[in-house]
C-alpha cells in the first residue's frame, strides 16, 4: 500500500510540474509573440506625433507591461491577471501615423479588434489580409489613404461583425465575396 501511495504522489507531482511548465511556456511564448507584433508595428509606421515612441518602450520585462502602451487593450480571463500580455484590441486612431498596412500584425493572434482609422496610412491592403487578421471581429481602416482594390480575401475573415473602409482611395468595386461574411452587422466603404 505504501508503494501505491508513493506512486500516486509521484504521479500527482509530475502532473503538477507538467502543468506548471506548460503554463510558463505559453505565457513566455505569448509574451514573445505579442512583443514581436507590437515591435513590428512600431517599426513599420512613422510616428510624427510621438504617440508610440513615447509610450511603447520595450525595455521593460514585467508581466503586463505592453498592456500599458497607448492604444493597446489586453485580454484578461479573470481579475487575477488584469495585465496578461495578450493583445485583445489595438486602437491607434487619429495618431497621425504614416506607412502601409503593418504586416507584423499577424503575430497578435488573440487580437479581436483593430482600429487604425483617421491616420495617414497608404498603399494597397495586402491580398492575403485574412492571414494577417483572420480572427478579428472589428476592423476599422477608415479615413486613411489606402488605395487599390479591396481584397476579396477579406471574405475569409469570417468573425467580422464590423468592417469600416470608408474615406479611402479604393479604386474598385466591393468584392462580391464579402457577401459571405454572415456575422457582419456594420459595413461602410463610401469614399
N, C-alpha and C. Protein backbone atom coordinates (compact mmCIF):
# COMPACT_ATOMS: atom_id res chain seq x y z
N UNK A 1 0.83 -1.19 0.00
CA UNK A 1 0.00 0.00 0.00
C UNK A 1 0.87 1.26 0.00
N UNK A 2 1.98 1.24 0.74
CA UNK A 2 2.88 2.40 0.78
C UNK A 2 3.46 2.68 -0.60
N UNK A 3 3.74 1.61 -1.35
CA UNK A 3 4.26 1.76 -2.71
C UNK A 3 3.22 2.44 -3.61
N UNK A 4 1.94 2.04 -3.45
CA UNK A 4 0.86 2.63 -4.24
C UNK A 4 0.72 4.12 -3.92
N UNK A 5 0.76 4.50 -2.66
CA UNK A 5 0.63 5.90 -2.25
C UNK A 5 1.82 6.70 -2.77
N UNK A 6 3.02 6.11 -2.69
CA UNK A 6 4.20 6.79 -3.18
C UNK A 6 4.11 7.03 -4.69
N UNK A 7 3.63 6.04 -5.43
CA UNK A 7 3.49 6.19 -6.88
C UNK A 7 2.42 7.23 -7.22
N UNK A 8 1.33 7.25 -6.45
CA UNK A 8 0.27 8.23 -6.69
C UNK A 8 0.78 9.65 -6.43
N UNK A 9 1.56 9.84 -5.37
CA UNK A 9 2.11 11.17 -5.08
C UNK A 9 3.08 11.61 -6.18
N UNK A 10 3.92 10.66 -6.64
CA UNK A 10 4.84 10.99 -7.73
C UNK A 10 4.07 11.37 -8.99
N UNK A 11 3.01 10.64 -9.27
CA UNK A 11 2.20 10.91 -10.45
C UNK A 11 1.57 12.30 -10.35
N UNK A 12 1.05 12.65 -9.17
CA UNK A 12 0.42 13.97 -8.99
C UNK A 12 1.46 15.08 -9.11
N UNK A 13 2.63 14.88 -8.54
CA UNK A 13 3.63 15.95 -8.63
C UNK A 13 4.14 16.07 -10.07
N UNK A 14 4.21 14.96 -10.80
CA UNK A 14 4.61 15.02 -12.21
C UNK A 14 3.57 15.80 -13.02
N UNK A 15 2.30 15.56 -12.75
CA UNK A 15 1.23 16.30 -13.43
C UNK A 15 1.34 17.78 -13.06
N UNK A 16 1.56 18.08 -11.81
CA UNK A 16 1.70 19.48 -11.36
C UNK A 16 2.86 20.18 -12.04
N UNK A 17 3.99 19.50 -12.12
CA UNK A 17 5.16 20.08 -12.79
C UNK A 17 4.88 20.27 -14.27
N UNK A 18 4.22 19.30 -14.90
CA UNK A 18 3.89 19.41 -16.32
C UNK A 18 2.97 20.60 -16.58
N UNK A 19 1.95 20.77 -15.75
CA UNK A 19 1.03 21.90 -15.91
C UNK A 19 1.77 23.21 -15.72
N UNK A 20 2.64 23.28 -14.72
CA UNK A 20 3.42 24.50 -14.47
C UNK A 20 4.31 24.84 -15.67
N UNK A 21 5.00 23.83 -16.20
CA UNK A 21 5.86 24.06 -17.37
C UNK A 21 5.05 24.51 -18.58
N UNK A 22 3.89 23.90 -18.79
CA UNK A 22 3.03 24.28 -19.90
C UNK A 22 2.57 25.72 -19.77
N UNK A 23 2.14 26.11 -18.58
CA UNK A 23 1.69 27.49 -18.36
C UNK A 23 2.84 28.47 -18.53
N UNK A 24 3.99 28.15 -17.97
CA UNK A 24 5.15 29.05 -18.10
C UNK A 24 5.54 29.21 -19.56
N UNK A 25 5.55 28.09 -20.32
CA UNK A 25 5.91 28.16 -21.73
C UNK A 25 4.90 28.99 -22.51
N UNK A 26 3.59 28.78 -22.24
CA UNK A 26 2.59 29.51 -23.02
C UNK A 26 2.62 30.99 -22.69
N UNK A 27 2.88 31.37 -21.43
CA UNK A 27 2.99 32.78 -21.08
C UNK A 27 4.22 33.38 -21.73
N UNK A 28 5.33 32.64 -21.72
CA UNK A 28 6.55 33.13 -22.34
C UNK A 28 6.36 33.28 -23.84
N UNK A 29 5.75 32.27 -24.47
CA UNK A 29 5.53 32.33 -25.91
C UNK A 29 4.60 33.49 -26.25
N UNK A 30 3.50 33.62 -25.47
CA UNK A 30 2.56 34.70 -25.71
C UNK A 30 3.24 36.05 -25.62
N UNK A 31 4.10 36.22 -24.65
CA UNK A 31 4.80 37.48 -24.49
C UNK A 31 5.70 37.74 -25.68
N UNK A 32 6.47 36.76 -26.11
CA UNK A 32 7.36 36.93 -27.25
C UNK A 32 6.58 37.22 -28.53
N UNK A 33 5.48 36.51 -28.69
CA UNK A 33 4.63 36.69 -29.87
C UNK A 33 4.10 38.12 -29.94
N UNK A 34 3.57 38.62 -28.84
CA UNK A 34 2.99 39.95 -28.84
C UNK A 34 4.05 41.04 -28.87
N UNK A 35 5.19 40.77 -28.27
CA UNK A 35 6.30 41.72 -28.39
C UNK A 35 6.71 41.86 -29.85
N UNK A 36 6.82 40.74 -30.54
CA UNK A 36 7.19 40.77 -31.96
C UNK A 36 6.14 41.53 -32.76
N UNK A 37 4.88 41.31 -32.45
CA UNK A 37 3.79 42.00 -33.14
C UNK A 37 3.91 43.51 -32.95
N UNK A 38 3.98 43.95 -31.71
CA UNK A 38 3.99 45.39 -31.43
C UNK A 38 5.27 46.06 -31.90
N UNK A 39 6.41 45.38 -31.75
CA UNK A 39 7.67 45.95 -32.26
C UNK A 39 7.60 46.13 -33.77
N UNK A 40 7.06 45.14 -34.45
CA UNK A 40 6.95 45.20 -35.91
C UNK A 40 6.04 46.34 -36.34
N UNK A 41 4.93 46.51 -35.65
CA UNK A 41 4.01 47.60 -35.97
C UNK A 41 4.70 48.94 -35.76
N UNK A 42 5.35 49.09 -34.62
CA UNK A 42 6.04 50.36 -34.33
C UNK A 42 7.13 50.64 -35.36
N UNK A 43 7.89 49.61 -35.73
CA UNK A 43 8.98 49.78 -36.69
C UNK A 43 8.47 50.07 -38.11
N UNK A 44 7.27 49.63 -38.43
CA UNK A 44 6.78 49.79 -39.80
C UNK A 44 6.02 51.09 -40.02
N UNK A 45 5.74 51.82 -38.96
CA UNK A 45 4.97 53.05 -39.09
C UNK A 45 5.78 54.26 -38.66
N UNK A 46 5.61 55.36 -39.39
CA UNK A 46 6.17 56.63 -38.95
C UNK A 46 5.24 57.19 -37.89
N UNK A 47 5.81 57.80 -36.86
CA UNK A 47 5.04 58.30 -35.73
C UNK A 47 5.42 59.76 -35.45
N UNK A 48 5.04 60.68 -36.36
CA UNK A 48 5.50 62.07 -36.22
C UNK A 48 4.98 62.78 -34.97
N UNK A 49 3.88 62.32 -34.40
CA UNK A 49 3.34 62.96 -33.19
C UNK A 49 3.81 62.26 -31.91
N UNK A 50 4.66 61.24 -32.06
CA UNK A 50 5.29 60.52 -30.95
C UNK A 50 4.33 59.83 -29.98
N UNK A 51 3.18 59.40 -30.45
CA UNK A 51 2.28 58.64 -29.59
C UNK A 51 2.90 57.28 -29.23
N UNK A 52 3.42 56.59 -30.23
CA UNK A 52 4.01 55.27 -29.97
C UNK A 52 5.40 55.40 -29.37
N UNK A 53 6.18 56.32 -29.89
CA UNK A 53 7.55 56.48 -29.39
C UNK A 53 7.60 56.85 -27.92
N UNK A 54 6.61 57.58 -27.43
CA UNK A 54 6.63 58.00 -26.03
C UNK A 54 6.07 56.93 -25.09
N UNK A 55 5.29 56.01 -25.60
CA UNK A 55 4.62 55.03 -24.74
C UNK A 55 5.10 53.59 -24.94
N UNK A 56 5.49 53.24 -26.14
CA UNK A 56 5.84 51.85 -26.44
C UNK A 56 7.33 51.62 -26.18
N UNK A 57 7.66 51.39 -24.93
CA UNK A 57 9.04 51.15 -24.50
C UNK A 57 9.21 49.65 -24.25
N UNK A 58 10.04 49.01 -25.02
CA UNK A 58 10.22 47.56 -24.95
C UNK A 58 11.34 47.13 -24.01
N UNK A 59 11.90 48.05 -23.24
CA UNK A 59 12.98 47.72 -22.31
C UNK A 59 12.47 47.14 -21.00
N UNK A 60 11.20 47.16 -20.79
CA UNK A 60 10.58 46.63 -19.58
C UNK A 60 10.27 45.15 -19.82
N UNK A 61 10.40 44.32 -18.80
CA UNK A 61 10.05 42.91 -19.00
C UNK A 61 9.13 42.39 -17.91
N UNK A 62 8.43 43.28 -17.21
CA UNK A 62 7.49 42.83 -16.19
C UNK A 62 6.19 42.38 -16.85
N UNK A 63 5.51 41.47 -16.18
CA UNK A 63 4.27 40.95 -16.74
C UNK A 63 3.28 42.09 -16.96
N UNK A 64 2.72 42.12 -18.14
CA UNK A 64 1.68 43.09 -18.44
C UNK A 64 2.15 44.46 -18.89
N UNK A 65 3.45 44.65 -19.07
CA UNK A 65 3.93 45.99 -19.42
C UNK A 65 3.39 46.48 -20.75
N UNK A 66 3.18 45.58 -21.72
CA UNK A 66 2.67 46.02 -23.01
C UNK A 66 1.21 46.48 -22.92
N UNK A 67 0.52 46.06 -21.86
CA UNK A 67 -0.88 46.44 -21.69
C UNK A 67 -1.02 47.90 -21.29
N UNK A 68 0.08 48.53 -20.95
CA UNK A 68 0.08 49.94 -20.59
C UNK A 68 0.46 50.84 -21.77
N UNK A 69 0.77 50.24 -22.92
CA UNK A 69 1.09 51.00 -24.12
C UNK A 69 -0.15 51.75 -24.61
N UNK A 70 0.05 52.94 -25.13
CA UNK A 70 -1.04 53.71 -25.73
C UNK A 70 -1.71 52.89 -26.83
N UNK A 71 -3.04 52.77 -26.73
CA UNK A 71 -3.82 52.09 -27.77
C UNK A 71 -3.91 50.59 -27.65
N UNK A 72 -3.24 50.00 -26.67
CA UNK A 72 -3.24 48.54 -26.51
C UNK A 72 -4.20 48.14 -25.39
N UNK A 73 -5.12 47.26 -25.72
CA UNK A 73 -6.02 46.69 -24.72
C UNK A 73 -5.72 45.20 -24.63
N UNK A 74 -5.52 44.72 -23.42
CA UNK A 74 -5.13 43.33 -23.25
C UNK A 74 -6.28 42.46 -22.78
N UNK A 75 -6.10 41.19 -23.05
CA UNK A 75 -7.05 40.17 -22.66
C UNK A 75 -6.72 39.73 -21.24
N UNK A 76 -7.74 39.65 -20.41
CA UNK A 76 -7.54 39.12 -19.07
C UNK A 76 -8.73 38.23 -18.72
N UNK A 77 -8.46 36.93 -18.54
CA UNK A 77 -9.53 35.97 -18.32
C UNK A 77 -10.23 36.14 -16.98
N UNK A 78 -9.56 36.74 -16.04
CA UNK A 78 -10.17 36.99 -14.73
C UNK A 78 -9.47 38.16 -14.07
N UNK A 79 -10.00 38.57 -12.94
CA UNK A 79 -9.43 39.74 -12.28
C UNK A 79 -8.06 39.48 -11.66
N UNK A 80 -7.62 38.25 -11.61
CA UNK A 80 -6.32 37.94 -11.01
C UNK A 80 -5.17 38.25 -11.94
N UNK A 81 -5.44 38.35 -13.22
CA UNK A 81 -4.39 38.63 -14.21
C UNK A 81 -4.81 39.77 -15.14
N UNK A 82 -5.04 40.97 -14.60
CA UNK A 82 -5.55 42.05 -15.45
C UNK A 82 -4.55 42.54 -16.48
N UNK A 83 -3.28 42.23 -16.33
CA UNK A 83 -2.26 42.74 -17.25
C UNK A 83 -1.58 41.62 -18.03
N UNK A 84 -2.29 40.54 -18.28
CA UNK A 84 -1.68 39.44 -19.03
C UNK A 84 -1.30 39.94 -20.42
N UNK A 85 -0.16 39.51 -20.91
CA UNK A 85 0.40 40.03 -22.15
C UNK A 85 -0.25 39.46 -23.41
N UNK A 86 -1.55 39.54 -23.54
CA UNK A 86 -2.23 39.11 -24.76
C UNK A 86 -3.03 40.28 -25.28
N UNK A 87 -2.66 40.76 -26.45
CA UNK A 87 -3.31 41.92 -27.03
C UNK A 87 -4.69 41.52 -27.56
N UNK A 88 -5.73 42.15 -27.03
CA UNK A 88 -7.09 41.89 -27.47
C UNK A 88 -7.51 42.89 -28.54
N UNK A 89 -7.25 44.18 -28.29
CA UNK A 89 -7.61 45.24 -29.23
C UNK A 89 -6.44 46.18 -29.40
N UNK A 90 -6.32 46.70 -30.59
CA UNK A 90 -5.32 47.71 -30.88
C UNK A 90 -6.06 48.89 -31.49
N UNK A 91 -6.09 50.00 -30.74
CA UNK A 91 -6.82 51.20 -31.15
C UNK A 91 -5.84 52.35 -31.31
N UNK A 92 -5.39 52.52 -32.53
CA UNK A 92 -4.40 53.55 -32.84
C UNK A 92 -5.04 54.62 -33.73
N UNK A 93 -6.19 55.08 -33.34
CA UNK A 93 -6.94 56.03 -34.13
C UNK A 93 -6.44 57.46 -33.95
N UNK A 94 -6.43 58.21 -35.05
CA UNK A 94 -6.13 59.64 -35.06
C UNK A 94 -4.80 59.97 -34.39
N UNK A 95 -3.76 59.24 -34.74
CA UNK A 95 -2.43 59.46 -34.17
C UNK A 95 -1.44 60.02 -35.19
N UNK A 96 -1.90 60.32 -36.39
CA UNK A 96 -1.01 60.85 -37.42
C UNK A 96 -0.02 59.84 -37.95
N UNK A 97 -0.28 58.56 -37.73
CA UNK A 97 0.64 57.50 -38.16
C UNK A 97 0.69 57.43 -39.69
N UNK A 98 1.89 57.17 -40.21
CA UNK A 98 2.10 57.09 -41.65
C UNK A 98 2.75 55.76 -41.99
N UNK A 99 2.40 55.23 -43.15
CA UNK A 99 3.00 53.99 -43.62
C UNK A 99 1.96 53.09 -44.25
N UNK A 100 2.38 51.91 -44.60
CA UNK A 100 1.48 50.93 -45.19
C UNK A 100 0.89 50.05 -44.10
N UNK A 101 -0.08 49.22 -44.49
CA UNK A 101 -0.71 48.32 -43.52
C UNK A 101 0.36 47.46 -42.87
N UNK A 102 0.46 47.45 -41.54
CA UNK A 102 1.55 46.73 -40.86
C UNK A 102 1.39 45.21 -40.95
N UNK A 103 2.33 44.57 -41.63
CA UNK A 103 2.27 43.11 -41.83
C UNK A 103 2.52 42.32 -40.55
N UNK A 104 3.27 42.90 -39.61
CA UNK A 104 3.58 42.20 -38.37
C UNK A 104 2.39 41.97 -37.47
N UNK A 105 1.25 42.49 -37.85
CA UNK A 105 0.02 42.33 -37.08
C UNK A 105 -0.35 40.85 -36.92
N UNK A 106 0.18 40.01 -37.83
CA UNK A 106 -0.14 38.58 -37.78
C UNK A 106 0.30 37.93 -36.47
N UNK A 107 1.28 38.51 -35.79
CA UNK A 107 1.76 37.92 -34.54
C UNK A 107 0.86 38.20 -33.35
N UNK A 108 -0.13 39.06 -33.50
CA UNK A 108 -1.10 39.31 -32.43
C UNK A 108 -2.29 38.37 -32.64
N UNK A 109 -2.08 37.11 -32.40
CA UNK A 109 -3.04 36.08 -32.81
C UNK A 109 -4.33 36.06 -31.99
N UNK A 110 -4.34 36.64 -30.79
CA UNK A 110 -5.57 36.68 -30.00
C UNK A 110 -6.36 37.96 -30.21
N UNK A 111 -5.86 38.82 -31.05
CA UNK A 111 -6.48 40.13 -31.24
C UNK A 111 -7.83 39.99 -31.94
N UNK A 112 -8.83 40.70 -31.40
CA UNK A 112 -10.16 40.68 -32.00
C UNK A 112 -10.58 42.02 -32.57
N UNK A 113 -9.88 43.09 -32.23
CA UNK A 113 -10.24 44.40 -32.73
C UNK A 113 -9.02 45.18 -33.19
N UNK A 114 -9.12 45.79 -34.38
CA UNK A 114 -8.04 46.62 -34.92
C UNK A 114 -8.64 47.91 -35.46
N UNK A 115 -8.21 49.03 -34.89
CA UNK A 115 -8.68 50.34 -35.32
C UNK A 115 -7.47 51.20 -35.68
N UNK A 116 -7.27 51.40 -36.96
CA UNK A 116 -6.20 52.26 -37.46
C UNK A 116 -6.79 53.48 -38.16
N UNK A 117 -8.01 53.84 -37.81
CA UNK A 117 -8.72 54.90 -38.51
C UNK A 117 -8.11 56.28 -38.27
N UNK A 118 -8.41 57.17 -39.20
CA UNK A 118 -8.02 58.59 -39.11
C UNK A 118 -6.52 58.79 -38.95
N UNK A 119 -5.76 58.10 -39.75
CA UNK A 119 -4.31 58.26 -39.80
C UNK A 119 -3.93 58.63 -41.22
N UNK A 120 -2.69 58.44 -41.57
CA UNK A 120 -2.21 58.75 -42.91
C UNK A 120 -1.58 57.51 -43.54
N UNK A 121 -2.28 56.39 -43.36
CA UNK A 121 -1.80 55.13 -43.92
C UNK A 121 -2.16 55.07 -45.40
N UNK A 122 -1.32 54.43 -46.19
CA UNK A 122 -1.49 54.47 -47.65
C UNK A 122 -1.11 53.14 -48.27
N UNK A 123 -1.32 53.07 -49.57
CA UNK A 123 -0.95 51.88 -50.33
C UNK A 123 -2.06 50.86 -50.33
N UNK A 124 -1.85 49.78 -51.06
CA UNK A 124 -2.88 48.74 -51.12
C UNK A 124 -2.90 47.90 -49.84
N UNK A 125 -4.07 47.38 -49.54
CA UNK A 125 -4.17 46.39 -48.46
C UNK A 125 -3.61 45.08 -49.00
N UNK A 126 -2.96 44.28 -48.18
CA UNK A 126 -2.40 43.02 -48.68
C UNK A 126 -3.49 42.08 -49.20
N UNK A 127 -3.21 41.43 -50.32
CA UNK A 127 -4.16 40.46 -50.89
C UNK A 127 -4.44 39.31 -49.92
N UNK A 128 -3.50 39.03 -49.07
CA UNK A 128 -3.61 37.92 -48.11
C UNK A 128 -4.00 38.43 -46.72
N UNK A 129 -4.78 39.50 -46.66
CA UNK A 129 -5.10 40.16 -45.39
C UNK A 129 -5.75 39.21 -44.38
N UNK A 130 -6.52 38.25 -44.83
CA UNK A 130 -7.16 37.34 -43.88
C UNK A 130 -6.15 36.49 -43.13
N UNK A 131 -4.98 36.28 -43.70
CA UNK A 131 -3.93 35.54 -42.98
C UNK A 131 -3.30 36.40 -41.88
N UNK A 132 -3.46 37.72 -42.00
CA UNK A 132 -2.91 38.63 -41.01
C UNK A 132 -3.90 38.93 -39.89
N UNK A 133 -5.18 39.03 -40.24
CA UNK A 133 -6.19 39.48 -39.27
C UNK A 133 -7.41 38.56 -39.27
N UNK A 134 -7.22 37.30 -39.46
CA UNK A 134 -8.31 36.34 -39.65
C UNK A 134 -9.29 36.18 -38.52
N UNK A 135 -8.93 36.56 -37.30
CA UNK A 135 -9.82 36.34 -36.16
C UNK A 135 -10.45 37.62 -35.63
N UNK A 136 -10.28 38.70 -36.37
CA UNK A 136 -10.86 39.97 -35.93
C UNK A 136 -12.38 39.93 -35.98
N UNK A 137 -13.01 40.60 -35.01
CA UNK A 137 -14.45 40.83 -35.06
C UNK A 137 -14.73 42.26 -35.51
N UNK A 138 -13.72 43.13 -35.38
CA UNK A 138 -13.88 44.53 -35.76
C UNK A 138 -12.61 45.03 -36.44
N UNK A 139 -12.79 45.62 -37.64
CA UNK A 139 -11.67 46.17 -38.40
C UNK A 139 -12.08 47.55 -38.91
N UNK A 140 -11.37 48.58 -38.44
CA UNK A 140 -11.66 49.95 -38.85
C UNK A 140 -10.40 50.55 -39.46
N UNK A 141 -10.43 50.72 -40.78
CA UNK A 141 -9.33 51.34 -41.52
C UNK A 141 -9.80 52.63 -42.19
N UNK A 142 -10.90 53.18 -41.73
CA UNK A 142 -11.50 54.35 -42.35
C UNK A 142 -10.62 55.59 -42.20
N UNK A 143 -10.85 56.56 -43.07
CA UNK A 143 -10.19 57.86 -43.04
C UNK A 143 -8.67 57.75 -43.11
N UNK A 144 -8.21 57.04 -44.10
CA UNK A 144 -6.78 56.92 -44.41
C UNK A 144 -6.62 57.18 -45.90
N UNK A 145 -5.54 56.74 -46.47
CA UNK A 145 -5.30 56.89 -47.90
C UNK A 145 -5.01 55.55 -48.56
N UNK A 146 -5.63 54.47 -48.06
CA UNK A 146 -5.45 53.17 -48.69
C UNK A 146 -5.99 53.24 -50.12
N UNK A 147 -5.35 52.51 -51.02
CA UNK A 147 -5.72 52.57 -52.43
C UNK A 147 -5.73 51.16 -53.02
N UNK A 148 -6.05 51.10 -54.31
CA UNK A 148 -6.09 49.81 -54.98
C UNK A 148 -7.42 49.12 -54.75
N UNK A 149 -7.41 47.82 -54.87
CA UNK A 149 -8.63 47.03 -54.72
C UNK A 149 -8.85 46.66 -53.26
N UNK A 150 -10.12 46.54 -52.91
CA UNK A 150 -10.46 45.96 -51.62
C UNK A 150 -10.24 44.46 -51.77
N UNK A 151 -9.40 43.87 -50.95
CA UNK A 151 -9.08 42.44 -51.15
C UNK A 151 -10.30 41.53 -50.96
N UNK A 152 -10.55 40.69 -51.93
CA UNK A 152 -11.66 39.73 -51.80
C UNK A 152 -11.37 38.74 -50.68
N UNK A 153 -10.11 38.61 -50.33
CA UNK A 153 -9.67 37.72 -49.26
C UNK A 153 -10.27 38.12 -47.90
N UNK A 154 -10.77 39.35 -47.77
CA UNK A 154 -11.44 39.76 -46.53
C UNK A 154 -12.63 38.85 -46.21
N UNK A 155 -13.17 38.20 -47.24
CA UNK A 155 -14.30 37.28 -47.04
C UNK A 155 -13.90 36.10 -46.15
N UNK A 156 -12.60 35.84 -46.01
CA UNK A 156 -12.14 34.76 -45.13
C UNK A 156 -12.03 35.19 -43.68
N UNK A 157 -12.29 36.44 -43.39
CA UNK A 157 -12.31 36.94 -42.00
C UNK A 157 -13.74 36.73 -41.48
N UNK A 158 -14.10 35.50 -41.27
CA UNK A 158 -15.49 35.11 -41.03
C UNK A 158 -16.04 35.58 -39.68
N UNK A 159 -15.20 36.07 -38.79
CA UNK A 159 -15.68 36.52 -37.48
C UNK A 159 -16.05 38.00 -37.48
N UNK A 160 -15.80 38.70 -38.59
CA UNK A 160 -16.04 40.15 -38.64
C UNK A 160 -17.50 40.49 -38.38
N UNK A 161 -17.71 41.39 -37.40
CA UNK A 161 -19.03 41.99 -37.14
C UNK A 161 -19.08 43.40 -37.70
N UNK A 162 -17.92 44.05 -37.75
CA UNK A 162 -17.85 45.43 -38.19
C UNK A 162 -16.63 45.62 -39.10
N UNK A 163 -16.87 46.20 -40.28
CA UNK A 163 -15.82 46.46 -41.26
C UNK A 163 -16.00 47.87 -41.79
N UNK A 164 -15.06 48.74 -41.47
CA UNK A 164 -15.14 50.14 -41.89
C UNK A 164 -13.94 50.47 -42.77
N UNK A 165 -14.23 50.75 -44.03
CA UNK A 165 -13.20 51.06 -45.02
C UNK A 165 -13.45 52.41 -45.68
N UNK A 166 -14.41 53.18 -45.18
CA UNK A 166 -14.79 54.42 -45.83
C UNK A 166 -13.70 55.48 -45.76
N UNK A 167 -13.82 56.48 -46.63
CA UNK A 167 -12.88 57.60 -46.72
C UNK A 167 -11.45 57.15 -46.99
N UNK A 168 -11.31 56.32 -48.00
CA UNK A 168 -10.02 55.89 -48.52
C UNK A 168 -10.03 56.13 -50.02
N UNK A 169 -9.08 55.58 -50.72
CA UNK A 169 -8.98 55.78 -52.17
C UNK A 169 -9.07 54.46 -52.93
N UNK A 170 -9.94 53.60 -52.50
CA UNK A 170 -10.09 52.32 -53.19
C UNK A 170 -10.65 52.56 -54.58
N UNK A 171 -10.10 51.83 -55.56
CA UNK A 171 -10.43 52.09 -56.96
C UNK A 171 -11.37 51.07 -57.57
N UNK A 172 -11.70 50.05 -56.86
CA UNK A 172 -12.52 49.00 -57.46
C UNK A 172 -13.87 48.91 -56.75
N UNK A 173 -14.69 48.03 -57.29
CA UNK A 173 -15.98 47.77 -56.67
C UNK A 173 -15.81 46.88 -55.45
N UNK A 174 -16.87 46.82 -54.68
CA UNK A 174 -16.86 45.95 -53.50
C UNK A 174 -16.85 44.50 -53.98
N UNK A 175 -15.90 43.71 -53.52
CA UNK A 175 -15.85 42.30 -53.96
C UNK A 175 -17.13 41.56 -53.55
N UNK A 176 -17.74 40.84 -54.48
CA UNK A 176 -18.97 40.12 -54.15
C UNK A 176 -18.76 39.04 -53.07
N UNK A 177 -17.53 38.60 -52.89
CA UNK A 177 -17.23 37.58 -51.88
C UNK A 177 -17.55 38.08 -50.46
N UNK A 178 -17.57 39.39 -50.27
CA UNK A 178 -17.86 39.93 -48.93
C UNK A 178 -19.28 39.60 -48.49
N UNK A 179 -20.13 39.19 -49.41
CA UNK A 179 -21.48 38.73 -49.05
C UNK A 179 -21.43 37.50 -48.16
N UNK A 180 -20.31 36.80 -48.18
CA UNK A 180 -20.15 35.58 -47.38
C UNK A 180 -19.92 35.87 -45.91
N UNK A 181 -19.74 37.13 -45.55
CA UNK A 181 -19.49 37.50 -44.15
C UNK A 181 -20.82 37.52 -43.39
N UNK A 182 -21.26 36.36 -42.95
CA UNK A 182 -22.56 36.20 -42.32
C UNK A 182 -22.73 36.90 -40.99
N UNK A 183 -21.67 37.20 -40.30
CA UNK A 183 -21.76 37.86 -38.99
C UNK A 183 -21.70 39.38 -39.09
N UNK A 184 -21.45 39.89 -40.29
CA UNK A 184 -21.24 41.32 -40.48
C UNK A 184 -22.52 42.10 -40.18
N UNK A 185 -22.43 43.02 -39.22
CA UNK A 185 -23.56 43.87 -38.82
C UNK A 185 -23.38 45.30 -39.33
N UNK A 186 -22.11 45.74 -39.44
CA UNK A 186 -21.82 47.10 -39.85
C UNK A 186 -20.74 47.07 -40.93
N UNK A 187 -21.05 47.72 -42.07
CA UNK A 187 -20.11 47.75 -43.18
C UNK A 187 -20.19 49.12 -43.84
N UNK A 188 -19.06 49.81 -43.95
CA UNK A 188 -19.04 51.11 -44.63
C UNK A 188 -17.82 51.19 -45.51
N UNK A 189 -18.05 51.70 -46.75
CA UNK A 189 -16.97 51.75 -47.72
C UNK A 189 -17.05 53.01 -48.59
N UNK A 190 -17.94 53.93 -48.26
CA UNK A 190 -18.09 55.15 -49.06
C UNK A 190 -16.81 55.97 -49.06
N UNK A 191 -16.54 56.61 -50.21
CA UNK A 191 -15.32 57.42 -50.32
C UNK A 191 -15.57 58.85 -49.95
